[in-house]
Amino acid sequence: MSFEPAAGRAGVAFMRDRETRSIWQVLTRQAVEGELSGERLERLPSHYSCWLDWSDFYTETELYAAATG
């Protein structure tokens, strides 16, 4: 799956799966519309960090910018 932002209601974030066009509620990880409606995404291990903390701890990190033009 690959995701893009989707229009949401005030205070609720949604994303759209480009392949199935299913709409997912970000906080619940559940598809609320489309081919995968009712399915729930698996939670993967993650880490929240601000850039300054991250760059101090992971000094080998490289950043890449999307091509524009």
PDB file of N, CA and C in Angstrom:
ATOM      1  N   MET A   1       0.836  -1.175   0.000  1.00  0.00           N
ATOM      2  CA  MET A   1       0.000   0.000   0.000  1.00  0.00           C
ATOM      3  C   MET A   1       0.880   1.237   0.000  1.00  0.00           C
ATOM      4  N   SER A   2       0.413   2.259  -0.642  1.00  0.00           N
ATOM      5  CA  SER A   2       1.070   3.564  -0.563  1.00  0.00           C
ATOM      6  C   SER A   2      -0.028   4.581  -0.283  1.00  0.00           C
ATOM      7  N   PHE A   3       0.275   5.522   0.595  1.00  0.00           N
ATOM      8  CA  PHE A   3      -0.756   6.419   1.103  1.00  0.00           C
ATOM      9  C   PHE A   3      -0.503   7.860   0.705  1.00  0.00           C
ATOM     10  N   GLU A   4      -1.604   8.615   0.678  1.00  0.00           N
ATOM     11  CA  GLU A   4      -1.571  10.052   0.447  1.00  0.00           C
ATOM     12  C   GLU A   4      -2.615  10.671   1.373  1.00  0.00           C
ATOM     13  N   PRO A   5      -2.465  11.955   1.706  1.00  0.00           N
ATOM     14  CA  PRO A   5      -3.467  12.600   2.554  1.00  0.00           C
ATOM     15  C   PRO A   5      -4.842  12.561   1.888  1.00  0.00           C
ATOM     16  N   ALA A   6      -5.871  12.457   2.708  1.00  0.00           N
ATOM     17  CA  ALA A   6      -7.249  12.488   2.212  1.00  0.00           C
ATOM     18  C   ALA A   6      -8.017  13.535   3.003  1.00  0.00           C
ATOM     19  N   ALA A   7      -9.003  14.126   2.381  1.00  0.00           N
ATOM     20  CA  ALA A   7      -9.823  15.132   3.061  1.00  0.00           C
ATOM     21  C   ALA A   7     -10.490  14.495   4.270  1.00  0.00           C
ATOM     22  N   GLY A   8     -10.514  15.239   5.365  1.00  0.00           N
ATOM     23  CA  GLY A   8     -11.111  14.711   6.581  1.00  0.00           C
ATOM     24  C   GLY A   8     -12.082  15.686   7.199  1.00  0.00           C
ATOM     25  N   ARG A   9     -12.634  15.283   8.303  1.00  0.00           N
ATOM     26  CA  ARG A   9     -13.511  16.156   9.078  1.00  0.00           C
ATOM     27  C   ARG A   9     -12.662  16.899  10.093  1.00  0.00           C
ATOM     28  N   ALA A  10     -13.191  17.955  10.642  1.00  0.00           N
ATOM     29  CA  ALA A  10     -12.441  18.764  11.607  1.00  0.00           C
ATOM     30  C   ALA A  10     -11.887  17.887  12.732  1.00  0.00           C
ATOM     31  N   GLY A  11     -10.571  17.919  12.900  1.00  0.00           N
ATOM     32  CA  GLY A  11      -9.924  17.204  13.982  1.00  0.00           C
ATOM     33  C   GLY A  11      -9.678  15.724  13.741  1.00  0.00           C
ATOM     34  N   VAL A  12     -10.064  15.192  12.580  1.00  0.00           N
ATOM     35  CA  VAL A  12      -9.870  13.768  12.283  1.00  0.00           C
ATOM     36  C   VAL A  12      -9.028  13.642  11.017  1.00  0.00           C
ATOM     37  N   ALA A  13      -7.898  12.958  11.124  1.00  0.00           N
ATOM     38  CA  ALA A  13      -6.990  12.803   9.978  1.00  0.00           C
ATOM     39  C   ALA A  13      -7.300  11.507   9.230  1.00  0.00           C
ATOM     40  N   PHE A  14      -7.290  11.603   7.895  1.00  0.00           N
ATOM     41  CA  PHE A  14      -7.522  10.444   7.039  1.00  0.00           C
ATOM     42  C   PHE A  14      -6.409  10.338   6.015  1.00  0.00           C
ATOM     43  N   MET A  15      -6.191   9.120   5.519  1.00  0.00           N
ATOM     44  CA  MET A  15      -5.258   8.899   4.421  1.00  0.00           C
ATOM     45  C   MET A  15      -5.916   7.953   3.421  1.00  0.00           C
ATOM     46  N   ARG A  16      -5.487   8.043   2.176  1.00  0.00           N
ATOM     47  CA  ARG A  16      -6.050   7.219   1.105  1.00  0.00           C
ATOM     48  C   ARG A  16      -4.974   6.283   0.575  1.00  0.00           C
ATOM     49  N   ASP A  17      -5.333   5.010   0.454  1.00  0.00           N
ATOM     50  CA  ASP A  17      -4.449   4.033  -0.173  1.00  0.00           C
ATOM     51  C   ASP A  17      -4.578   4.219  -1.683  1.00  0.00           C
ATOM     52  N   ARG A  18      -3.483   4.504  -2.346  1.00  0.00           N
ATOM     53  CA  ARG A  18      -3.512   4.784  -3.785  1.00  0.00           C
ATOM     54  C   ARG A  18      -3.960   3.583  -4.615  1.00  0.00           C
ATOM     55  N   GLU A  19      -3.630   2.379  -4.186  1.00  0.00           N
ATOM     56  CA  GLU A  19      -3.959   1.196  -4.982  1.00  0.00           C
ATOM     57  C   GLU A  19      -5.444   0.826  -4.905  1.00  0.00           C
ATOM     58  N   THR A  20      -6.022   0.811  -3.701  1.00  0.00           N
ATOM     59  CA  THR A  20      -7.419   0.387  -3.548  1.00  0.00           C
ATOM     60  C   THR A  20      -8.374   1.561  -3.410  1.00  0.00           C
ATOM     61  N   ARG A  21      -7.827   2.769  -3.248  1.00  0.00           N
ATOM     62  CA  ARG A  21      -8.619   3.990  -3.033  1.00  0.00           C
ATOM     63  C   ARG A  21      -9.397   3.941  -1.720  1.00  0.00           C
ATOM     64  N   SER A  22      -9.025   3.041  -0.813  1.00  0.00           N
ATOM     65  CA  SER A  22      -9.676   2.958   0.493  1.00  0.00           C
ATOM     66  C   SER A  22      -9.264   4.152   1.340  1.00  0.00           C
ATOM     67  N   ILE A  23     -10.187   4.631   2.177  1.00  0.00           N
ATOM     68  CA  ILE A  23      -9.934   5.753   3.078  1.00  0.00           C
ATOM     69  C   ILE A  23      -9.723   5.190   4.477  1.00  0.00           C
ATOM     70  N   TRP A  24      -8.616   5.591   5.106  1.00  0.00           N
ATOM     71  CA  TRP A  24      -8.231   5.087   6.428  1.00  0.00           C
ATOM     72  C   TRP A  24      -8.226   6.214   7.446  1.00  0.00           C
ATOM     73  N   GLN A  25      -8.795   5.959   8.633  1.00  0.00           N
ATOM     74  CA  GLN A  25      -8.702   6.913   9.734  1.00  0.00           C
ATOM     75  C   GLN A  25      -7.350   6.684  10.397  1.00  0.00           C
ATOM     76  N   VAL A  26      -6.561   7.733  10.508  1.00  0.00           N
ATOM     77  CA  VAL A  26      -5.177   7.612  10.968  1.00  0.00           C
ATOM     78  C   VAL A  26      -5.087   7.073  12.398  1.00  0.00           C
ATOM     79  N   LEU A  27      -5.836   7.628  13.330  1.00  0.00           N
ATOM     80  CA  LEU A  27      -5.681   7.233  14.735  1.00  0.00           C
ATOM     81  C   LEU A  27      -6.151   5.811  15.019  1.00  0.00           C
ATOM     82  N   THR A  28      -7.189   5.355  14.338  1.00  0.00           N
ATOM     83  CA  THR A  28      -7.702   4.005  14.600  1.00  0.00           C
ATOM     84  C   THR A  28      -7.086   2.960  13.686  1.00  0.00           C
ATOM     85  N   ARG A  29      -6.410   3.410  12.591  1.00  0.00           N
ATOM     86  CA  ARG A  29      -5.801   2.526  11.601  1.00  0.00           C
ATOM     87  C   ARG A  29      -6.842   1.683  10.872  1.00  0.00           C
ATOM     88  N   GLN A  30      -8.091   2.125  10.847  1.00  0.00           N
ATOM     89  CA  GLN A  30      -9.164   1.346  10.238  1.00  0.00           C
ATOM     90  C   GLN A  30      -9.659   1.993   8.947  1.00  0.00           C
ATOM     91  N   ALA A  31      -9.899   1.135   7.932  1.00  0.00           N
ATOM     92  CA  ALA A  31     -10.478   1.615   6.677  1.00  0.00           C
ATOM     93  C   ALA A  31     -11.958   1.898   6.916  1.00  0.00           C
ATOM     94  N   VAL A  32     -12.385   3.097   6.572  1.00  0.00           N
ATOM     95  CA  VAL A  32     -13.771   3.492   6.810  1.00  0.00           C
ATOM     96  C   VAL A  32     -14.566   3.584   5.515  1.00  0.00           C
ATOM     97  N   GLU A  33     -13.879   3.419   4.392  1.00  0.00           N
ATOM     98  CA  GLU A  33     -14.540   3.541   3.096  1.00  0.00           C
ATOM     99  C   GLU A  33     -13.698   2.822   2.048  1.00  0.00           C
ATOM    100  N   GLY A  34     -14.344   2.218   1.072  1.00  0.00           N
ATOM    101  CA  GLY A  34     -13.623   1.607  -0.040  1.00  0.00           C
ATOM    102  C   GLY A  34     -13.493   0.102   0.058  1.00  0.00           C
ATOM    103  N   GLU A  35     -12.682  -0.447  -0.825  1.00  0.00           N
ATOM    104  CA  GLU A  35     -12.500  -1.891  -0.972  1.00  0.00           C
ATOM    105  C   GLU A  35     -12.106  -2.587   0.328  1.00  0.00           C
ATOM    106  N   LEU A  36     -11.320  -1.918   1.172  1.00  0.00           N
ATOM    107  CA  LEU A  36     -10.829  -2.534   2.415  1.00  0.00           C
ATOM    108  C   LEU A  36     -11.586  -2.058   3.653  1.00  0.00           C
ATOM    109  N   SER A  37     -12.771  -1.499   3.468  1.00  0.00           N
ATOM    110  CA  SER A  37     -13.574  -0.989   4.583  1.00  0.00           C
ATOM    111  C   SER A  37     -13.718  -2.046   5.674  1.00  0.00           C
ATOM    112  N   GLY A  38     -13.474  -1.638   6.918  1.00  0.00           N
ATOM    113  CA  GLY A  38     -13.560  -2.541   8.062  1.00  0.00           C
ATOM    114  C   GLY A  38     -12.244  -3.193   8.435  1.00  0.00           C
ATOM    115  N   GLU A  39     -11.282  -3.218   7.524  1.00  0.00           N
ATOM    116  CA  GLU A  39      -9.961  -3.789   7.824  1.00  0.00           C
ATOM    117  C   GLU A  39      -9.176  -2.829   8.716  1.00  0.00           C
ATOM    118  N   ARG A  40      -8.229  -3.368   9.474  1.00  0.00           N
ATOM    119  CA  ARG A  40      -7.400  -2.545  10.352  1.00  0.00           C
ATOM    120  C   ARG A  40      -5.931  -2.809  10.038  1.00  0.00           C
ATOM    121  N   LEU A  41      -5.150  -1.740   9.949  1.00  0.00           N
ATOM    122  CA  LEU A  41      -3.715  -1.871   9.702  1.00  0.00           C
ATOM    123  C   LEU A  41      -2.997  -2.349  10.957  1.00  0.00           C
ATOM    124  N   GLU A  42      -1.976  -3.166  10.774  1.00  0.00           N
ATOM    125  CA  GLU A  42      -1.137  -3.628  11.877  1.00  0.00           C
ATOM    126  C   GLU A  42      -0.296  -2.460  12.389  1.00  0.00           C
ATOM    127  N   ARG A  43      -0.174  -2.374  13.701  1.00  0.00           N
ATOM    128  CA  ARG A  43       0.678  -1.341  14.297  1.00  0.00           C
ATOM    129  C   ARG A  43       2.124  -1.824  14.243  1.00  0.00           C
ATOM    130  N   LEU A  44       2.998  -0.989  13.735  1.00  0.00           N
ATOM    131  CA  LEU A  44       4.420  -1.313  13.658  1.00  0.00           C
ATOM    132  C   LEU A  44       5.188  -0.507  14.698  1.00  0.00           C
ATOM    133  N   PRO A  45       6.295  -1.038  15.196  1.00  0.00           N
ATOM    134  CA  PRO A  45       7.099  -0.276  16.151  1.00  0.00           C
ATOM    135  C   PRO A  45       7.525   1.058  15.532  1.00  0.00           C
ATOM    136  N   SER A  46       7.448   2.097  16.319  1.00  0.00           N
ATOM    137  CA  SER A  46       7.845   3.420  15.822  1.00  0.00           C
ATOM    138  C   SER A  46       8.410   4.243  16.969  1.00  0.00           C
ATOM    139  N   HIS A  47       8.951   5.374  16.618  1.00  0.00           N
ATOM    140  CA  HIS A  47       9.573   6.249  17.602  1.00  0.00           C
ATOM    141  C   HIS A  47       9.287   7.696  17.218  1.00  0.00           C
ATOM    142  N   TYR A  48       8.729   8.458  18.140  1.00  0.00           N
ATOM    143  CA  TYR A  48       8.505   9.878  17.906  1.00  0.00           C
ATOM    144  C   TYR A  48       9.703  10.651  18.427  1.00  0.00           C
ATOM    145  N   SER A  49      10.204  11.573  17.645  1.00  0.00           N
ATOM    146  CA  SER A  49      11.373  12.349  18.049  1.00  0.00           C
ATOM    147  C   SER A  49      11.411  13.653  17.271  1.00  0.00           C
ATOM    148  N   CYS A  50      11.947  14.686  17.888  1.00  0.00           N
ATOM    149  CA  CYS A  50      12.182  15.910  17.123  1.00  0.00           C
ATOM    150  C   CYS A  50      13.527  15.751  16.401  1.00  0.00           C
ATOM    151  N   TRP A  51      13.725  16.515  15.345  1.00  0.00           N
ATOM    152  CA  TRP A  51      14.913  16.359  14.505  1.00  0.00           C
ATOM    153  C   TRP A  51      16.207  16.548  15.295  1.00  0.00           C
ATOM    154  N   LEU A  52      16.267  17.531  16.179  1.00  0.00           N
ATOM    155  CA  LEU A  52      17.511  17.776  16.920  1.00  0.00           C
ATOM    156  C   LEU A  52      17.903  16.576  17.777  1.00  0.00           C
ATOM    157  N   ASP A  53      16.932  15.971  18.451  1.00  0.00           N
ATOM    158  CA  ASP A  53      17.232  14.777  19.250  1.00  0.00           C
ATOM    159  C   ASP A  53      17.656  13.618  18.355  1.00  0.00           C
ATOM    160  N   TRP A  54      16.931  13.426  17.258  1.00  0.00           N
ATOM    161  CA  TRP A  54      17.241  12.337  16.326  1.00  0.00           C
ATOM    162  C   TRP A  54      18.658  12.489  15.778  1.00  0.00           C
ATOM    163  N   SER A  55      18.990  13.685  15.279  1.00  0.00           N
ATOM    164  CA  SER A  55      20.294  13.890  14.635  1.00  0.00           C
ATOM    165  C   SER A  55      21.450  13.760  15.626  1.00  0.00           C
ATOM    166  N   ASP A  56      21.225  14.078  16.897  1.00  0.00           N
ATOM    167  CA  ASP A  56      22.266  13.877  17.910  1.00  0.00           C
ATOM    168  C   ASP A  56      22.518  12.390  18.158  1.00  0.00           C
ATOM    169  N   PHE A  57      21.457  11.595  18.155  1.00  0.00           N
ATOM    170  CA  PHE A  57      21.570  10.178  18.475  1.00  0.00           C
ATOM    171  C   PHE A  57      21.943   9.334  17.257  1.00  0.00           C
ATOM    172  N   TYR A  58      21.401   9.690  16.082  1.00  0.00           N
ATOM    173  CA  TYR A  58      21.652   8.941  14.844  1.00  0.00           C
ATOM    174  C   TYR A  58      22.461   9.810  13.892  1.00  0.00           C
ATOM    175  N   THR A  59      23.728   9.959  14.178  1.00  0.00           N
ATOM    176  CA  THR A  59      24.586  10.888  13.427  1.00  0.00           C
ATOM    177  C   THR A  59      24.825  10.462  11.980  1.00  0.00           C
ATOM    178  N   GLU A  60      24.578   9.213  11.637  1.00  0.00           N
ATOM    179  CA  GLU A  60      24.787   8.728  10.269  1.00  0.00           C
ATOM    180  C   GLU A  60      23.569   8.955   9.365  1.00  0.00           C
ATOM    181  N   THR A  61      22.502   9.542   9.904  1.00  0.00           N
ATOM    182  CA  THR A  61      21.285   9.755   9.118  1.00  0.00           C
ATOM    183  C   THR A  61      21.549  10.675   7.935  1.00  0.00           C
ATOM    184  N   GLU A  62      21.031  10.286   6.762  1.00  0.00           N
ATOM    185  CA  GLU A  62      21.116  11.122   5.563  1.00  0.00           C
ATOM    186  C   GLU A  62      19.713  11.547   5.165  1.00  0.00           C
ATOM    187  N   LEU A  63      19.574  12.769   4.687  1.00  0.00           N
ATOM    188  CA  LEU A  63      18.282  13.277   4.234  1.00  0.00           C
ATOM    189  C   LEU A  63      18.285  13.404   2.725  1.00  0.00           C
ATOM    190  N   TYR A  64      17.163  13.098   2.137  1.00  0.00           N
ATOM    191  CA  TYR A  64      16.993  13.240   0.696  1.00  0.00           C
ATOM    192  C   TYR A  64      15.765  14.091   0.442  1.00  0.00           C
ATOM    193  N   ALA A  65      15.886  15.053  -0.452  1.00  0.00           N
ATOM    194  CA  ALA A  65      14.752  15.900  -0.813  1.00  0.00           C
ATOM    195  C   ALA A  65      14.108  15.357  -2.083  1.00  0.00           C
ATOM    196  N   ALA A  66      12.802  15.483  -2.161  1.00  0.00           N
ATOM    197  CA  ALA A  66      12.091  15.072  -3.374  1.00  0.00           C
ATOM    198  C   ALA A  66      12.487  15.988  -4.521  1.00  0.00           C
ATOM    199  N   ALA A  67      12.607  15.419  -5.698  1.00  0.00           N
ATOM    200  CA  ALA A  67      12.945  16.219  -6.883  1.00  0.00           C
ATOM    201  C   ALA A  67      11.797  17.165  -7.199  1.00  0.00           C
ATOM    202  N   THR A  68      12.117  18.392  -7.489  1.00  0.00           N
ATOM    203  CA  THR A  68      11.100  19.371  -7.871  1.00  0.00           C
ATOM    204  C   THR A  68      11.466  19.931  -9.228  1.00  0.00           C
ATOM    205  N   GLY A  69      10.471  20.389  -9.926  1.00  0.00           N
ATOM    206  CA  GLY A  69      10.893  21.004 -11.080  1.00  0.00           C
ATOM    207  C   GLY A  69      10.288  21.132 -12.317  1.00  0.00           C
TER     208      GLY A  69
END
